[in-house]
C-alpha atoms as a PDB file:
ATOM      1  CA  MET A   1      14.437   4.439   6.672  1.00  0.00           C
ATOM      2  CA  PRO A   2      13.604   1.111   5.074  1.00  0.00           C
ATOM      3  CA  ARG A   3      16.277  -1.576   4.939  1.00  0.00           C
ATOM      4  CA  LYS A   4      17.807  -3.433   1.967  1.00  0.00           C
ATOM      5  CA  GLY A   5      19.812  -0.558   0.523  1.00  0.00           C
ATOM      6  CA  TYR A   6      16.847   1.730  -0.133  1.00  0.00           C
ATOM      7  CA  LYS A   7      18.038   5.148  -1.222  1.00  0.00           C
ATOM      8  CA  ARG A   8      15.496   7.905  -0.930  1.00  0.00           C
ATOM      9  CA  ALA A   9      15.264  10.109  -4.014  1.00  0.00           C
ATOM     10  CA  LEU A  10      14.203  13.749  -3.920  1.00  0.00           C
ATOM     11  CA  GLY A  11      10.453  14.142  -4.200  1.00  0.00           C
ATOM     12  CA  ARG A  12       9.643  10.549  -3.216  1.00  0.00           C
ATOM     13  CA  SER A  13       7.920   9.670  -0.001  1.00  0.00           C
ATOM     14  CA  VAL A  14       9.251   7.060   2.395  1.00  0.00           C
ATOM     15  CA  GLY A  15       8.336   3.554   1.247  1.00  0.00           C
ATOM     16  CA  MET A  16       7.641   4.463  -2.355  1.00  0.00           C
ATOM     17  CA  PRO A  17       9.051   1.809  -4.689  1.00  0.00           C
ATOM     18  CA  GLU A  18      12.032   2.633  -6.873  1.00  0.00           C
ATOM     19  CA  VAL A  19      10.208   1.501 -10.013  1.00  0.00           C
ATOM     20  CA  MET A  20       6.726   2.761 -10.831  1.00  0.00           C
ATOM     21  CA  THR A  21       5.822  -0.594 -12.409  1.00  0.00           C
ATOM     22  CA  ALA A  22       6.347  -2.445  -9.104  1.00  0.00           C
ATOM     23  CA  GLN A  23       3.865  -5.238  -8.431  1.00  0.00           C
ATOM     24  CA  ASN A  24       4.334  -5.645  -4.673  1.00  0.00           C
ATOM     25  CA  PHE A  25       4.200  -3.082  -1.897  1.00  0.00           C
ATOM     26  CA  ASN A  26       5.366  -4.258   1.502  1.00  0.00           C
ATOM     27  CA  ARG A  27       4.001  -1.867   4.112  1.00  0.00           C
ATOM     28  CA  ARG A  28       3.105  -2.413   7.727  1.00  0.00           C
ATOM     29  CA  ILE A  29      -0.452  -1.442   8.558  1.00  0.00           C
ATOM     30  CA  SER A  30      -2.216  -1.260  11.882  1.00  0.00           C
ATOM     31  CA  ALA A  31      -4.765  -3.820  13.009  1.00  0.00           C
ATOM     32  CA  GLU A  32      -7.475  -1.206  12.445  1.00  0.00           C
ATOM     33  CA  GLY A  33      -6.274  -0.570   8.890  1.00  0.00           C
ATOM     34  CA  ALA A  34      -6.223  -4.298   8.151  1.00  0.00           C
ATOM     35  CA  LEU A  35      -9.767  -4.616   9.480  1.00  0.00           C
ATOM     36  CA  ILE A  36     -10.945  -1.750   7.256  1.00  0.00           C
ATOM     37  CA  LEU A  37      -9.353  -3.331   4.171  1.00  0.00           C
ATOM     38  CA  ALA A  38     -10.761  -6.765   4.992  1.00  0.00           C
ATOM     39  CA  THR A  39     -14.232  -5.305   5.538  1.00  0.00           C
ATOM     40  CA  ALA A  40     -14.105  -3.374   2.258  1.00  0.00           C
ATOM     41  CA  GLY A  41     -13.035  -6.542   0.441  1.00  0.00           C
ATOM     42  CA  ASN A  42     -15.459  -9.020   2.062  1.00  0.00           C
ATOM     43  CA  GLY A  43     -12.618 -10.689   3.944  1.00  0.00           C
ATOM     44  CA  SER A  44      -9.817 -10.031   1.424  1.00  0.00           C
ATOM     45  CA  LYS A  45      -7.410  -7.190   2.202  1.00  0.00           C
ATOM     46  CA  THR A  46      -6.240  -7.158  -1.420  1.00  0.00           C
ATOM     47  CA  GLU A  47      -9.767  -6.765  -2.771  1.00  0.00           C
ATOM     48  CA  GLY A  48     -10.500  -4.203  -0.077  1.00  0.00           C
ATOM     49  CA  PHE A  49      -7.492  -2.163  -1.190  1.00  0.00           C
ATOM     50  CA  ARG A  50      -8.653  -2.344  -4.802  1.00  0.00           C
ATOM     51  CA  ASN A  51     -12.197  -1.361  -3.831  1.00  0.00           C
ATOM     52  CA  LEU A  52     -10.970   1.636  -1.868  1.00  0.00           C
ATOM     53  CA  LEU A  53      -8.698   2.704  -4.723  1.00  0.00           C
ATOM     54  CA  SER A  54     -11.592   2.582  -7.176  1.00  0.00           C
ATOM     55  CA  LEU A  55     -13.806   4.487  -4.738  1.00  0.00           C
ATOM     56  CA  TYR A  56     -11.300   7.312  -4.264  1.00  0.00           C
ATOM     57  CA  GLY A  57     -10.225   7.312  -7.901  1.00  0.00           C
ATOM     58  CA  ALA A  58     -13.739   7.944  -9.189  1.00  0.00           C
END
């Protein structure tokens, strides 16, 4: 379980933020996952994440 007083609610997966309007998501990813995100974002993991979201959301 995550630290800092996180209380898991029914129906929520581990690591899901308490508020749906959260701006930051602190998750640990593997080196391979980071490389995939950086490649998809031309060196930026943030842009890679956004690009992958748009790809799968279409």
